[in-house]
PDB file of all heavy atoms in Angstrom:
ATOM      1  N   ARG A   1      97.913 127.206 101.320  1.00  0.00           N
ATOM      2  CA  ARG A   1      98.143 128.104 102.466  1.00  0.00           C
ATOM      3  C   ARG A   1      98.129 129.568 102.027  1.00  0.00           C
ATOM      4  O   ARG A   1      97.957 130.472 102.858  1.00  0.00           O
ATOM      5  CB  ARG A   1      99.470 127.765 103.126  1.00  0.00           C
ATOM      6  CG  ARG A   1     100.661 127.837 102.194  1.00  0.00           C
ATOM      7  CD  ARG A   1     101.943 127.380 102.861  1.00  0.00           C
ATOM      8  NE  ARG A   1     102.837 126.779 101.883  1.00  0.00           N
ATOM      9  CZ  ARG A   1     104.124 126.578 102.082  1.00  0.00           C
ATOM     10  NH1 ARG A   1     104.657 126.914 103.237  1.00  0.00           N
ATOM     11  NH2 ARG A   1     104.867 126.016 101.164  1.00  0.00           N
ATOM     12  N   TYR A   2      98.324 129.814 100.720  1.00  0.00           N
ATOM     13  CA  TYR A   2      98.328 131.188 100.217  1.00  0.00           C
ATOM     14  C   TYR A   2      96.948 131.634  99.729  1.00  0.00           C
ATOM     15  O   TYR A   2      96.792 132.787  99.314  1.00  0.00           O
ATOM     16  CB  TYR A   2      99.338 131.322  99.073  1.00  0.00           C
ATOM     17  CG  TYR A   2     100.752 131.078  99.509  1.00  0.00           C
ATOM     18  CD1 TYR A   2     101.452 129.951  99.091  1.00  0.00           C
ATOM     19  CD2 TYR A   2     101.400 131.963 100.380  1.00  0.00           C
ATOM     20  CE1 TYR A   2     102.752 129.714  99.505  1.00  0.00           C
ATOM     21  CE2 TYR A   2     102.703 131.735 100.805  1.00  0.00           C
ATOM     22  CZ  TYR A   2     103.372 130.612 100.367  1.00  0.00           C
ATOM     23  OH  TYR A   2     104.658 130.378 100.789  1.00  0.00           O
ATOM     24  N   PHE A   3      95.964 130.761  99.785  1.00  0.00           N
ATOM     25  CA  PHE A   3      94.613 131.110  99.330  1.00  0.00           C
ATOM     26  C   PHE A   3      93.803 131.634 100.518  1.00  0.00           C
ATOM     27  O   PHE A   3      93.693 130.960 101.544  1.00  0.00           O
ATOM     28  CB  PHE A   3      93.906 129.877  98.764  1.00  0.00           C
ATOM     29  CG  PHE A   3      94.377 129.445  97.402  1.00  0.00           C
ATOM     30  CD1 PHE A   3      95.711 129.178  97.152  1.00  0.00           C
ATOM     31  CD2 PHE A   3      93.472 129.290  96.358  1.00  0.00           C
ATOM     32  CE1 PHE A   3      96.140 128.777  95.905  1.00  0.00           C
ATOM     33  CE2 PHE A   3      93.900 128.887  95.099  1.00  0.00           C
ATOM     34  CZ  PHE A   3      95.242 128.639  94.874  1.00  0.00           C
ATOM     35  N   GLN A   4      93.216 132.815 100.370  1.00  0.00           N
ATOM     36  CA  GLN A   4      92.298 133.278 101.419  1.00  0.00           C
ATOM     37  C   GLN A   4      91.074 132.365 101.510  1.00  0.00           C
ATOM     38  O   GLN A   4      90.504 132.192 102.587  1.00  0.00           O
ATOM     39  CB  GLN A   4      91.874 134.720 101.151  1.00  0.00           C
ATOM     40  CG  GLN A   4      92.909 135.763 101.528  1.00  0.00           C
ATOM     41  CD  GLN A   4      94.021 135.917 100.517  1.00  0.00           C
ATOM     42  OE1 GLN A   4      93.884 135.494  99.370  1.00  0.00           O
ATOM     43  NE2 GLN A   4      95.129 136.530 100.923  1.00  0.00           N
ATOM     44  N   THR A   5      90.669 131.779 100.393  1.00  0.00           N
ATOM     45  CA  THR A   5      89.647 130.726 100.380  1.00  0.00           C
ATOM     46  C   THR A   5      90.256 129.517  99.672  1.00  0.00           C
ATOM     47  O   THR A   5      90.212 129.429  98.434  1.00  0.00           O
ATOM     48  CB  THR A   5      88.369 131.177  99.650  1.00  0.00           C
ATOM     49  OG1 THR A   5      87.812 132.325 100.299  1.00  0.00           O
ATOM     50  CG2 THR A   5      87.323 130.063  99.647  1.00  0.00           C
ATOM     51  N   PRO A   6      90.860 128.584 100.426  1.00  0.00           N
ATOM     52  CA  PRO A   6      91.473 127.406  99.786  1.00  0.00           C
ATOM     53  C   PRO A   6      90.433 126.631  98.992  1.00  0.00           C
ATOM     54  O   PRO A   6      89.286 126.491  99.416  1.00  0.00           O
ATOM     55  CB  PRO A   6      91.984 126.584 100.979  1.00  0.00           C
ATOM     56  CG  PRO A   6      92.059 127.536 102.117  1.00  0.00           C
ATOM     57  CD  PRO A   6      90.979 128.546 101.889  1.00  0.00           C
ATOM     58  N   GLY A   7      90.841 126.139  97.824  1.00  0.00           N
ATOM     59  CA  GLY A   7      89.873 125.466  96.970  1.00  0.00           C
ATOM     60  C   GLY A   7      90.444 124.270  96.239  1.00  0.00           C
ATOM     61  O   GLY A   7      91.656 124.081  96.139  1.00  0.00           O
ATOM     62  N   GLN A   8      89.517 123.456  95.727  1.00  0.00           N
ATOM     63  CA  GLN A   8      89.845 122.322  94.878  1.00  0.00           C
ATOM     64  C   GLN A   8      88.699 122.164  93.869  1.00  0.00           C
ATOM     65  O   GLN A   8      87.741 122.939  93.897  1.00  0.00           O
ATOM     66  CB  GLN A   8      90.039 121.033  95.688  1.00  0.00           C
ATOM     67  CG  GLN A   8      91.472 120.762  96.092  1.00  0.00           C
ATOM     68  CD  GLN A   8      92.369 120.499  94.894  1.00  0.00           C
ATOM     69  OE1 GLN A   8      91.907 120.273  93.773  1.00  0.00           O
ATOM     70  NE2 GLN A   8      93.672 120.518  95.116  1.00  0.00           N
ATOM     71  N   ASP A   9      88.792 121.173  92.988  1.00  0.00           N
ATOM     72  CA  ASP A   9      87.683 120.945  92.066  1.00  0.00           C
ATOM     73  C   ASP A   9      87.521 119.453  91.786  1.00  0.00           C
ATOM     74  O   ASP A   9      88.474 118.682  91.845  1.00  0.00           O
ATOM     75  CB  ASP A   9      87.861 121.715  90.758  1.00  0.00           C
ATOM     76  CG  ASP A   9      88.933 121.111  89.847  1.00  0.00           C
ATOM     77  OD1 ASP A   9      89.886 120.516  90.376  1.00  0.00           O
ATOM     78  OD2 ASP A   9      88.819 121.254  88.625  1.00  0.00           O
ATOM     79  N   ILE A  10      86.270 119.073  91.534  1.00  0.00           N
ATOM     80  CA  ILE A  10      85.941 117.710  91.125  1.00  0.00           C
ATOM     81  C   ILE A  10      85.303 117.794  89.743  1.00  0.00           C
ATOM     82  O   ILE A  10      84.234 118.384  89.586  1.00  0.00           O
ATOM     83  CB  ILE A  10      84.980 117.037  92.114  1.00  0.00           C
ATOM     84  CG1 ILE A  10      85.623 116.904  93.496  1.00  0.00           C
ATOM     85  CG2 ILE A  10      84.577 115.657  91.612  1.00  0.00           C
ATOM     86  CD1 ILE A  10      84.728 116.261  94.526  1.00  0.00           C
ATOM     87  N   VAL A  11      85.966 117.199  88.766  1.00  0.00           N
ATOM     88  CA  VAL A  11      85.488 117.255  87.389  1.00  0.00           C
ATOM     89  C   VAL A  11      85.584 115.870  86.756  1.00  0.00           C
ATOM     90  O   VAL A  11      86.147 114.941  87.330  1.00  0.00           O
ATOM     91  CB  VAL A  11      86.317 118.258  86.554  1.00  0.00           C
ATOM     92  CG1 VAL A  11      86.126 119.669  87.060  1.00  0.00           C
ATOM     93  CG2 VAL A  11      87.807 117.894  86.594  1.00  0.00           C
ATOM     94  N   TRP A  12      84.981 115.762  85.535  1.00  0.00           N
ATOM     95  CA  TRP A  12      85.110 114.551  84.727  1.00  0.00           C
ATOM     96  C   TRP A  12      84.692 113.291  85.493  1.00  0.00           C
ATOM     97  O   TRP A  12      85.299 112.244  85.374  1.00  0.00           O
ATOM     98  CB  TRP A  12      86.541 114.383  84.208  1.00  0.00           C
ATOM     99  CG  TRP A  12      86.986 115.469  83.300  1.00  0.00           C
ATOM    100  CD1 TRP A  12      87.893 116.447  83.582  1.00  0.00           C
ATOM    101  CD2 TRP A  12      86.547 115.714  81.962  1.00  0.00           C
ATOM    102  NE1 TRP A  12      88.038 117.285  82.512  1.00  0.00           N
ATOM    103  CE2 TRP A  12      87.234 116.853  81.499  1.00  0.00           C
ATOM    104  CE3 TRP A  12      85.631 115.073  81.118  1.00  0.00           C
ATOM    105  CZ2 TRP A  12      87.036 117.374  80.224  1.00  0.00           C
ATOM    106  CZ3 TRP A  12      85.440 115.595  79.843  1.00  0.00           C
ATOM    107  CH2 TRP A  12      86.137 116.731  79.404  1.00  0.00           C
ATOM    108  N   ARG A  13      83.685 113.429  86.359  1.00  0.00           N
ATOM    109  CA  ARG A  13      83.150 112.284  87.126  1.00  0.00           C
ATOM    110  C   ARG A  13      84.247 111.600  87.921  1.00  0.00           C
ATOM    111  O   ARG A  13      84.317 110.368  88.047  1.00  0.00           O
ATOM    112  CB  ARG A  13      82.449 111.289  86.188  1.00  0.00           C
ATOM    113  CG  ARG A  13      81.333 111.904  85.359  1.00  0.00           C
ATOM    114  CD  ARG A  13      80.487 110.879  84.653  1.00  0.00           C
ATOM    115  NE  ARG A  13      79.709 110.104  85.623  1.00  0.00           N
ATOM    116  CZ  ARG A  13      78.561 110.526  86.173  1.00  0.00           C
ATOM    117  NH1 ARG A  13      78.060 111.705  85.864  1.00  0.00           N
ATOM    118  NH2 ARG A  13      77.918 109.760  87.028  1.00  0.00           N
ATOM    119  N   GLY A  14      85.138 112.413  88.497  1.00  0.00           N
ATOM    120  CA  GLY A  14      86.245 111.876  89.284  1.00  0.00           C
ATOM    121  C   GLY A  14      85.805 111.212  90.573  1.00  0.00           C
ATOM    122  O   GLY A  14      86.495 110.342  91.099  1.00  0.00           O
ATOM    123  N   VAL A  15      84.665 111.635  91.116  1.00  0.00           N
ATOM    124  CA  VAL A  15      84.068 111.013  92.302  1.00  0.00           C
ATOM    125  C   VAL A  15      82.601 110.771  91.997  1.00  0.00           C
ATOM    126  O   VAL A  15      81.883 111.699  91.612  1.00  0.00           O
ATOM    127  CB  VAL A  15      84.210 111.899  93.557  1.00  0.00           C
ATOM    128  CG1 VAL A  15      83.487 111.276  94.743  1.00  0.00           C
ATOM    129  CG2 VAL A  15      85.675 112.137  93.891  1.00  0.00           C
ATOM    130  N   VAL A  16      82.146 109.543  92.141  1.00  0.00           N
ATOM    131  CA  VAL A  16      80.755 109.175  91.863  1.00  0.00           C
ATOM    132  C   VAL A  16      80.272 108.212  92.944  1.00  0.00           C
ATOM    133  O   VAL A  16      81.080 107.582  93.638  1.00  0.00           O
ATOM    134  CB  VAL A  16      80.614 108.518  90.469  1.00  0.00           C
ATOM    135  CG1 VAL A  16      80.830 109.538  89.357  1.00  0.00           C
ATOM    136  CG2 VAL A  16      81.581 107.357  90.316  1.00  0.00           C
ATOM    137  N   PRO A  17      78.939 108.105  93.122  1.00  0.00           N
ATOM    138  CA  PRO A  17      78.418 107.232  94.185  1.00  0.00           C
ATOM    139  C   PRO A  17      78.806 105.772  94.017  1.00  0.00           C
ATOM    140  O   PRO A  17      79.094 105.083  95.005  1.00  0.00           O
ATOM    141  CB  PRO A  17      76.898 107.417  94.077  1.00  0.00           C
ATOM    142  CG  PRO A  17      76.701 108.708  93.376  1.00  0.00           C
ATOM    143  CD  PRO A  17      77.865 108.850  92.443  1.00  0.00           C
ATOM    144  N   GLU A  18      78.802 105.274  92.792  1.00  0.00           N
ATOM    145  CA  GLU A  18      79.079 103.862  92.592  1.00  0.00           C
ATOM    146  C   GLU A  18      80.584 103.622  92.499  1.00  0.00           C
ATOM    147  O   GLU A  18      81.358 104.534  92.214  1.00  0.00           O
ATOM    148  CB  GLU A  18      78.385 103.347  91.324  1.00  0.00           C
ATOM    149  CG  GLU A  18      78.841 104.009  90.031  1.00  0.00           C
ATOM    150  CD  GLU A  18      78.139 105.313  89.717  1.00  0.00           C
ATOM    151  OE1 GLU A  18      77.297 105.759  90.541  1.00  0.00           O
ATOM    152  OE2 GLU A  18      78.435 105.901  88.667  1.00  0.00           O
ATOM    153  N   GLY A  19      80.991 102.371  92.740  1.00  0.00           N
ATOM    154  CA  GLY A  19      82.404 102.025  92.630  1.00  0.00           C
ATOM    155  C   GLY A  19      83.180 102.420  93.873  1.00  0.00           C
ATOM    156  O   GLY A  19      82.642 102.611  94.954  1.00  0.00           O
ATOM    157  N   HIS A  20      84.500 102.580  93.707  1.00  0.00           N
ATOM    158  CA  HIS A  20      85.392 102.751  94.854  1.00  0.00           C
ATOM    159  C   HIS A  20      86.029 104.133  94.942  1.00  0.00           C
ATOM    160  O   HIS A  20      86.728 104.436  95.901  1.00  0.00           O
ATOM    161  CB  HIS A  20      86.517 101.710  94.768  1.00  0.00           C
ATOM    162  CG  HIS A  20      87.293 101.785  93.477  1.00  0.00           C
ATOM    163  ND1 HIS A  20      88.315 102.696  93.279  1.00  0.00           N
ATOM    164  CD2 HIS A  20      87.180 101.089  92.320  1.00  0.00           C
ATOM    165  CE1 HIS A  20      88.806 102.544  92.054  1.00  0.00           C
ATOM    166  NE2 HIS A  20      88.130 101.581  91.448  1.00  0.00           N
ATOM    167  N   ARG A  21      85.776 105.005  93.942  1.00  0.00           N
ATOM    168  CA  ARG A  21      86.541 106.255  93.885  1.00  0.00           C
ATOM    169  C   ARG A  21      86.174 107.264  94.963  1.00  0.00           C
ATOM    170  O   ARG A  21      86.923 108.226  95.195  1.00  0.00           O
ATOM    171  CB  ARG A  21      86.378 106.891  92.505  1.00  0.00           C
ATOM    172  CG  ARG A  21      87.196 106.193  91.431  1.00  0.00           C
ATOM    173  CD  ARG A  21      87.003 106.838  90.083  1.00  0.00           C
ATOM    174  NE  ARG A  21      85.662 106.604  89.567  1.00  0.00           N
ATOM    175  CZ  ARG A  21      85.200 107.156  88.457  1.00  0.00           C
ATOM    176  NH1 ARG A  21      85.944 107.992  87.767  1.00  0.00           N
ATOM    177  NH2 ARG A  21      83.981 106.884  88.033  1.00  0.00           N
ATOM    178  N   ALA A  22      85.046 107.081  95.645  1.00  0.00           N
ATOM    179  CA  ALA A  22      84.688 107.999  96.721  1.00  0.00           C
ATOM    180  C   ALA A  22      85.589 107.818  97.935  1.00  0.00           C
ATOM    181  O   ALA A  22      85.718 108.725  98.763  1.00  0.00           O
ATOM    182  CB  ALA A  22      83.224 107.796  97.131  1.00  0.00           C
ATOM    183  N   LEU A  23      86.234 106.650  98.054  1.00  0.00           N
ATOM    184  CA  LEU A  23      87.074 106.360  99.217  1.00  0.00           C
ATOM    185  C   LEU A  23      88.502 105.962  98.862  1.00  0.00           C
ATOM    186  O   LEU A  23      89.339 105.884  99.756  1.00  0.00           O
ATOM    187  CB  LEU A  23      86.448 105.218 100.040  1.00  0.00           C
ATOM    188  CG  LEU A  23      85.194 105.550 100.834  1.00  0.00           C
ATOM    189  CD1 LEU A  23      84.632 104.292 101.473  1.00  0.00           C
ATOM    190  CD2 LEU A  23      85.498 106.582 101.915  1.00  0.00           C
ATOM    191  N   GLU A  24      88.773 105.705  97.600  1.00  0.00           N
ATOM    192  CA  GLU A  24      90.089 105.224  97.207  1.00  0.00           C
ATOM    193  C   GLU A  24      90.643 106.073  96.060  1.00  0.00           C
ATOM    194  O   GLU A  24      89.903 106.537  95.205  1.00  0.00           O
ATOM    195  CB  GLU A  24      90.019 103.759  96.758  1.00  0.00           C
ATOM    196  CG  GLU A  24      89.559 102.806  97.845  1.00  0.00           C
ATOM    197  CD  GLU A  24      89.473 101.367  97.348  1.00  0.00           C
ATOM    198  OE1 GLU A  24      89.882 101.110  96.187  1.00  0.00           O
ATOM    199  OE2 GLU A  24      89.002 100.496  98.093  1.00  0.00           O
ATOM    200  N   GLY A  25      91.961 106.249  96.065  1.00  0.00           N
ATOM    201  CA  GLY A  25      92.607 106.949  94.977  1.00  0.00           C
ATOM    202  C   GLY A  25      92.757 108.440  95.222  1.00  0.00           C
ATOM    203  O   GLY A  25      92.281 108.993  96.225  1.00  0.00           O
ATOM    204  N   THR A  26      93.426 109.095  94.292  1.00  0.00           N
ATOM    205  CA  THR A  26      93.776 110.507  94.429  1.00  0.00           C
ATOM    206  C   THR A  26      92.571 111.399  94.688  1.00  0.00           C
ATOM    207  O   THR A  26      92.573 112.237  95.595  1.00  0.00           O
ATOM    208  CB  THR A  26      94.509 110.983  93.165  1.00  0.00           C
ATOM    209  OG1 THR A  26      95.716 110.228  93.018  1.00  0.00           O
ATOM    210  CG2 THR A  26      94.852 112.457  93.255  1.00  0.00           C
ATOM    211  N   ASN A  27      91.506 111.234  93.897  1.00  0.00           N
ATOM    212  CA  ASN A  27      90.360 112.134  94.012  1.00  0.00           C
ATOM    213  C   ASN A  27      89.626 112.004  95.343  1.00  0.00           C
ATOM    214  O   ASN A  27      88.907 112.919  95.747  1.00  0.00           O
ATOM    215  CB  ASN A  27      89.383 111.893  92.868  1.00  0.00           C
ATOM    216  CG  ASN A  27      89.899 112.458  91.555  1.00  0.00           C
ATOM    217  OD1 ASN A  27      90.573 113.482  91.531  1.00  0.00           O
ATOM    218  ND2 ASN A  27      89.597 111.792  90.455  1.00  0.00           N
ATOM    219  N   SER A  28      89.774 110.869  96.025  1.00  0.00           N
ATOM    220  CA  SER A  28      89.061 110.675  97.284  1.00  0.00           C
ATOM    221  C   SER A  28      89.516 111.649  98.366  1.00  0.00           C
ATOM    222  O   SER A  28      88.828 111.826  99.371  1.00  0.00           O
ATOM    223  CB  SER A  28      89.233 109.232  97.772  1.00  0.00           C
ATOM    224  OG  SER A  28      90.566 108.995  98.209  1.00  0.00           O
ATOM    225  N   ALA A  29      90.675 112.294  98.177  1.00  0.00           N
ATOM    226  CA  ALA A  29      91.210 113.209  99.188  1.00  0.00           C
ATOM    227  C   ALA A  29      90.884 114.669  98.906  1.00  0.00           C
ATOM    228  O   ALA A  29      91.259 115.547  99.685  1.00  0.00           O
ATOM    229  CB  ALA A  29      92.727 113.032  99.285  1.00  0.00           C
ATOM    230  N   ILE A  30      90.183 114.950  97.806  1.00  0.00           N
ATOM    231  CA  ILE A  30      89.966 116.337  97.384  1.00  0.00           C
ATOM    232  C   ILE A  30      89.263 117.168  98.455  1.00  0.00           C
ATOM    233  O   ILE A  30      89.645 118.310  98.737  1.00  0.00           O
ATOM    234  CB  ILE A  30      89.174 116.364  96.062  1.00  0.00           C
ATOM    235  CG1 ILE A  30      90.082 115.973  94.894  1.00  0.00           C
ATOM    236  CG2 ILE A  30      88.569 117.734  95.813  1.00  0.00           C
ATOM    237  CD1 ILE A  30      89.365 115.900  93.562  1.00  0.00           C
ATOM    238  N   GLY A  31      88.196 116.623  99.054  1.00  0.00           N
ATOM    239  CA  GLY A  31      87.436 117.399 100.028  1.00  0.00           C
ATOM    240  C   GLY A  31      88.269 117.792 101.230  1.00  0.00           C
ATOM    241  O   GLY A  31      88.280 118.952 101.664  1.00  0.00           O
ATOM    242  N   LYS A  32      88.999 116.839 101.788  1.00  0.00           N
ATOM    243  CA  LYS A  32      89.823 117.107 102.961  1.00  0.00           C
ATOM    244  C   LYS A  32      91.053 117.947 102.631  1.00  0.00           C
ATOM    245  O   LYS A  32      91.642 118.555 103.515  1.00  0.00           O
ATOM    246  CB  LYS A  32      90.273 115.787 103.590  1.00  0.00           C
ATOM    247  CG  LYS A  32      89.203 115.098 104.427  1.00  0.00           C
ATOM    248  CD  LYS A  32      88.893 115.859 105.696  1.00  0.00           C
ATOM    249  CE  LYS A  32      87.930 115.094 106.590  1.00  0.00           C
ATOM    250  NZ  LYS A  32      87.588 115.837 107.823  1.00  0.00           N
ATOM    251  N   CYS A  33      91.431 117.983 101.362  1.00  0.00           N
ATOM    252  CA  CYS A  33      92.585 118.778 100.947  1.00  0.00           C
ATOM    253  C   CYS A  33      92.367 120.250 101.290  1.00  0.00           C
ATOM    254  O   CYS A  33      93.195 120.882 101.943  1.00  0.00           O
ATOM    255  CB  CYS A  33      92.833 118.596  99.455  1.00  0.00           C
ATOM    256  SG  CYS A  33      94.262 119.496  98.805  1.00  0.00           S
ATOM    257  N   SER A  34      91.235 120.793 100.865  1.00  0.00           N
ATOM    258  CA  SER A  34      90.980 122.214 101.100  1.00  0.00           C
ATOM    259  C   SER A  34      90.500 122.495 102.516  1.00  0.00           C
ATOM    260  O   SER A  34      90.890 123.491 103.129  1.00  0.00           O
ATOM    261  CB  SER A  34      89.958 122.732 100.087  1.00  0.00           C
ATOM    262  OG  SER A  34      88.729 122.034 100.200  1.00  0.00           O
ATOM    263  N   SER A  35      89.641 121.629 103.078  1.00  0.00           N
ATOM    264  CA  SER A  35      89.087 121.905 104.405  1.00  0.00           C
ATOM    265  C   SER A  35      90.148 121.802 105.501  1.00  0.00           C
ATOM    266  O   SER A  35      90.114 122.535 106.494  1.00  0.00           O
ATOM    267  CB  SER A  35      87.919 120.959 104.713  1.00  0.00           C
ATOM    268  OG  SER A  35      88.356 119.625 104.849  1.00  0.00           O
ATOM    269  N   SER A  36      91.117 120.899 105.343  1.00  0.00           N
ATOM    270  CA  SER A  36      92.177 120.774 106.350  1.00  0.00           C
ATOM    271  C   SER A  36      93.002 122.049 106.428  1.00  0.00           C
ATOM    272  O   SER A  36      93.317 122.544 107.524  1.00  0.00           O
ATOM    273  CB  SER A  36      93.083 119.582 106.023  1.00  0.00           C
ATOM    274  OG  SER A  36      92.378 118.361 106.090  1.00  0.00           O
ATOM    275  N   VAL A  37      93.354 122.604 105.263  1.00  0.00           N
ATOM    276  CA  VAL A  37      94.117 123.850 105.248  1.00  0.00           C
ATOM    277  C   VAL A  37      93.314 124.983 105.875  1.00  0.00           C
ATOM    278  O   VAL A  37      93.828 125.765 106.678  1.00  0.00           O
ATOM    279  CB  VAL A  37      94.528 124.210 103.810  1.00  0.00           C
ATOM    280  CG1 VAL A  37      95.190 125.586 103.759  1.00  0.00           C
ATOM    281  CG2 VAL A  37      95.470 123.153 103.251  1.00  0.00           C
ATOM    282  N   ALA A  38      92.031 125.069 105.525  1.00  0.00           N
ATOM    283  CA  ALA A  38      91.189 126.136 106.073  1.00  0.00           C
ATOM    284  C   ALA A  38      91.109 126.050 107.593  1.00  0.00           C
ATOM    285  O   ALA A  38      91.171 127.071 108.294  1.00  0.00           O
ATOM    286  CB  ALA A  38      89.795 126.059 105.458  1.00  0.00           C
ATOM    287  N   ARG A  39      90.983 124.846 108.116  1.00  0.00           N
ATOM    288  CA  ARG A  39      90.857 124.690 109.565  1.00  0.00           C
ATOM    289  C   ARG A  39      92.163 125.001 110.280  1.00  0.00           C
ATOM    290  O   ARG A  39      92.162 125.561 111.379  1.00  0.00           O
ATOM    291  CB  ARG A  39      90.374 123.280 109.878  1.00  0.00           C
ATOM    292  CG  ARG A  39      88.871 123.141 109.659  1.00  0.00           C
ATOM    293  CD  ARG A  39      88.385 121.737 109.535  1.00  0.00           C
ATOM    294  NE  ARG A  39      86.915 121.690 109.591  1.00  0.00           N
ATOM    295  CZ  ARG A  39      86.181 120.689 109.168  1.00  0.00           C
ATOM    296  NH1 ARG A  39      86.772 119.618 108.627  1.00  0.00           N
ATOM    297  NH2 ARG A  39      84.868 120.728 109.254  1.00  0.00           N
TER     298      ARG A  39
END
C-alpha cells in the first residue's frame, strides 16, 4: 500500500508451465498480490 508502483518478483523458476506451481502454493499468488493492491 506504500508503493506508488506495487511490485513483486518471480525468480528461481518459482512458477513454470509444467507441474502444479502455477495454481498451487505460495508463488501462485504473486501476480494477484501486486495487482489487487494497485486496483
